[in-house]
Amino acid sequence: MIMYHRPIQAPQILTKQTIHCPNCGNHAVRQQCLIEKEIVTETACPVCDYLLVNCHRTGRVVDSYLCLSTRR
């Protein structure tokens, strides 16, 4: 049986802003993206490796990551 999957579209960035990281206070990026008819908010910090992705509509966490071995 051959199954055909429709291609996943690349996220469309709706807004992008520089903020202070909620974890370390350095500059981080917060952007809202449209993915498969849902808007998600992604907050990422390149300094402490903080990542939080949540659904804009419900506020539920979609993905998160924090590297605990980073020295401050």
N, C-alpha and C. Protein backbone atom coordinates (compact mmCIF):
# COMPACT_ATOMS: atom_id res chain seq x y z
N MET A 1 0.84 -1.17 0.00
CA MET A 1 0.00 0.00 0.00
C MET A 1 0.88 1.24 0.00
N ILE A 2 0.65 2.13 -0.92
CA ILE A 2 1.42 3.37 -1.01
C ILE A 2 0.63 4.48 -0.34
N MET A 3 1.30 5.14 0.61
CA MET A 3 0.66 6.26 1.29
C MET A 3 1.31 7.55 0.82
N TYR A 4 0.52 8.50 0.49
CA TYR A 4 1.03 9.79 0.06
C TYR A 4 0.85 10.80 1.18
N HIS A 5 1.93 11.46 1.52
CA HIS A 5 1.89 12.49 2.54
C HIS A 5 2.03 13.84 1.86
N ARG A 6 1.24 14.77 2.31
CA ARG A 6 1.39 16.10 1.75
C ARG A 6 2.62 16.74 2.38
N PRO A 7 3.34 17.52 1.61
CA PRO A 7 4.57 18.12 2.14
C PRO A 7 4.26 19.11 3.25
N ILE A 8 5.13 19.14 4.24
CA ILE A 8 4.99 20.09 5.34
C ILE A 8 5.53 21.44 4.87
N GLN A 9 4.73 22.46 5.06
CA GLN A 9 5.15 23.79 4.65
C GLN A 9 6.09 24.38 5.67
N ALA A 10 7.01 25.19 5.20
CA ALA A 10 7.93 25.89 6.10
C ALA A 10 7.14 26.89 6.93
N PRO A 11 7.53 27.09 8.18
CA PRO A 11 6.82 28.05 9.02
C PRO A 11 6.90 29.46 8.44
N GLN A 12 5.82 30.19 8.56
CA GLN A 12 5.77 31.57 8.11
C GLN A 12 5.91 32.45 9.35
N ILE A 13 6.96 33.27 9.40
CA ILE A 13 7.19 34.14 10.55
C ILE A 13 6.26 35.34 10.45
N LEU A 14 5.45 35.53 11.49
CA LEU A 14 4.49 36.63 11.51
C LEU A 14 5.08 37.87 12.20
N THR A 15 5.69 37.68 13.36
CA THR A 15 6.35 38.78 14.08
C THR A 15 7.65 38.26 14.66
N LYS A 16 8.60 39.17 14.83
CA LYS A 16 9.89 38.81 15.41
C LYS A 16 10.38 40.00 16.22
N GLN A 17 10.78 39.75 17.48
CA GLN A 17 11.25 40.83 18.32
C GLN A 17 12.37 40.34 19.23
N THR A 18 13.22 41.28 19.63
CA THR A 18 14.29 41.00 20.56
C THR A 18 13.80 41.34 21.96
N ILE A 19 13.98 40.40 22.88
CA ILE A 19 13.53 40.58 24.26
C ILE A 19 14.67 40.18 25.20
N HIS A 20 14.47 40.35 26.49
CA HIS A 20 15.40 39.83 27.48
C HIS A 20 14.99 38.39 27.78
N CYS A 21 15.98 37.51 27.82
CA CYS A 21 15.73 36.10 28.10
C CYS A 21 15.14 35.96 29.50
N PRO A 22 14.04 35.21 29.64
CA PRO A 22 13.46 35.01 30.97
C PRO A 22 14.33 34.16 31.88
N ASN A 23 15.34 33.51 31.32
CA ASN A 23 16.21 32.64 32.12
C ASN A 23 17.49 33.36 32.56
N CYS A 24 18.20 33.99 31.61
CA CYS A 24 19.51 34.57 31.95
C CYS A 24 19.57 36.09 31.83
N GLY A 25 18.58 36.71 31.17
CA GLY A 25 18.56 38.16 31.04
C GLY A 25 19.27 38.72 29.83
N ASN A 26 19.98 37.89 29.07
CA ASN A 26 20.63 38.35 27.84
C ASN A 26 19.59 38.54 26.75
N HIS A 27 20.03 39.02 25.59
CA HIS A 27 19.11 39.21 24.48
C HIS A 27 18.66 37.86 23.93
N ALA A 28 17.38 37.74 23.69
CA ALA A 28 16.78 36.54 23.12
C ALA A 28 15.82 36.97 22.02
N VAL A 29 15.34 36.01 21.25
CA VAL A 29 14.42 36.30 20.14
C VAL A 29 13.09 35.64 20.43
N ARG A 30 12.03 36.41 20.27
CA ARG A 30 10.68 35.87 20.38
C ARG A 30 10.01 36.09 19.03
N GLN A 31 9.48 35.02 18.47
CA GLN A 31 8.80 35.15 17.19
C GLN A 31 7.52 34.32 17.18
N GLN A 32 6.54 34.85 16.46
CA GLN A 32 5.28 34.13 16.25
C GLN A 32 5.31 33.58 14.84
N CYS A 33 5.00 32.30 14.72
CA CYS A 33 5.05 31.62 13.43
C CYS A 33 3.71 30.94 13.16
N LEU A 34 3.36 30.88 11.90
CA LEU A 34 2.18 30.16 11.45
C LEU A 34 2.64 28.80 10.94
N ILE A 35 2.20 27.74 11.62
CA ILE A 35 2.57 26.38 11.25
C ILE A 35 1.30 25.56 11.14
N GLU A 36 1.01 25.08 9.95
CA GLU A 36 -0.16 24.20 9.74
C GLU A 36 -1.43 24.79 10.35
N LYS A 37 -1.73 26.03 10.07
CA LYS A 37 -2.95 26.73 10.49
C LYS A 37 -2.99 27.05 11.98
N GLU A 38 -1.89 26.89 12.68
CA GLU A 38 -1.80 27.24 14.10
C GLU A 38 -0.68 28.26 14.28
N ILE A 39 -0.89 29.19 15.20
CA ILE A 39 0.13 30.17 15.51
C ILE A 39 0.85 29.71 16.78
N VAL A 40 2.18 29.64 16.70
CA VAL A 40 2.98 29.29 17.86
C VAL A 40 3.93 30.43 18.16
N THR A 41 4.25 30.59 19.44
CA THR A 41 5.21 31.58 19.88
C THR A 41 6.46 30.85 20.34
N GLU A 42 7.60 31.26 19.76
CA GLU A 42 8.87 30.62 20.09
C GLU A 42 9.79 31.66 20.73
N THR A 43 10.32 31.33 21.90
CA THR A 43 11.29 32.18 22.57
C THR A 43 12.59 31.40 22.66
N ALA A 44 13.68 31.97 22.14
CA ALA A 44 14.96 31.27 22.11
C ALA A 44 16.09 32.21 22.48
N CYS A 45 17.01 31.71 23.31
CA CYS A 45 18.18 32.46 23.72
C CYS A 45 19.44 31.71 23.29
N PRO A 46 20.30 32.34 22.48
CA PRO A 46 21.52 31.66 22.05
C PRO A 46 22.59 31.59 23.14
N VAL A 47 22.47 32.40 24.19
CA VAL A 47 23.48 32.43 25.24
C VAL A 47 23.33 31.26 26.20
N CYS A 48 22.12 31.06 26.74
CA CYS A 48 21.92 29.99 27.73
C CYS A 48 21.20 28.78 27.14
N ASP A 49 20.91 28.80 25.83
CA ASP A 49 20.29 27.67 25.13
C ASP A 49 18.86 27.42 25.61
N TYR A 50 18.16 28.48 25.96
CA TYR A 50 16.76 28.40 26.41
C TYR A 50 15.85 28.35 25.20
N LEU A 51 14.84 27.48 25.24
CA LEU A 51 13.85 27.39 24.17
C LEU A 51 12.49 27.11 24.79
N LEU A 52 11.50 27.88 24.36
CA LEU A 52 10.12 27.64 24.77
C LEU A 52 9.23 27.90 23.56
N VAL A 53 8.46 26.89 23.18
CA VAL A 53 7.51 27.01 22.08
C VAL A 53 6.14 26.70 22.65
N ASN A 54 5.21 27.65 22.51
CA ASN A 54 3.86 27.39 23.01
C ASN A 54 2.81 27.84 22.00
N CYS A 55 1.63 27.23 22.13
CA CYS A 55 0.51 27.53 21.25
C CYS A 55 -0.04 28.91 21.61
N HIS A 56 -0.20 29.76 20.63
CA HIS A 56 -0.70 31.11 20.86
C HIS A 56 -2.15 31.10 21.33
N ARG A 57 -2.93 30.17 20.82
CA ARG A 57 -4.36 30.11 21.13
C ARG A 57 -4.62 29.57 22.54
N THR A 58 -3.97 28.47 22.91
CA THR A 58 -4.25 27.82 24.18
C THR A 58 -3.22 28.11 25.27
N GLY A 59 -2.03 28.53 24.87
CA GLY A 59 -0.95 28.75 25.83
C GLY A 59 -0.22 27.48 26.24
N ARG A 60 -0.62 26.36 25.72
CA ARG A 60 0.03 25.09 26.07
C ARG A 60 1.44 25.02 25.51
N VAL A 61 2.32 24.39 26.25
CA VAL A 61 3.71 24.23 25.82
C VAL A 61 3.78 23.14 24.76
N VAL A 62 4.37 23.48 23.62
CA VAL A 62 4.55 22.53 22.52
C VAL A 62 5.92 21.88 22.65
N ASP A 63 6.94 22.67 22.99
CA ASP A 63 8.30 22.17 23.13
C ASP A 63 9.06 23.09 24.06
N SER A 64 10.03 22.55 24.78
CA SER A 64 10.87 23.38 25.64
C SER A 64 12.21 22.70 25.84
N TYR A 65 13.21 23.52 26.14
CA TYR A 65 14.55 22.99 26.36
C TYR A 65 15.34 24.02 27.15
N LEU A 66 16.12 23.55 28.10
CA LEU A 66 17.02 24.40 28.86
C LEU A 66 18.25 23.59 29.20
N CYS A 67 19.39 24.05 28.75
CA CYS A 67 20.64 23.37 29.04
C CYS A 67 21.08 23.76 30.44
N LEU A 68 21.11 22.81 31.36
CA LEU A 68 21.42 23.10 32.75
C LEU A 68 22.92 23.13 33.03
N SER A 69 23.75 22.72 32.08
CA SER A 69 25.19 22.69 32.33
C SER A 69 25.87 24.02 31.99
N THR A 70 25.12 25.01 31.55
CA THR A 70 25.69 26.30 31.19
C THR A 70 26.12 27.03 32.47
N ARG A 71 27.36 27.50 32.49
CA ARG A 71 27.84 28.26 33.65
C ARG A 71 27.41 29.71 33.53
N ARG A 72 27.02 30.28 34.64
CA ARG A 72 26.61 31.69 34.66
C ARG A 72 27.47 32.45 35.61
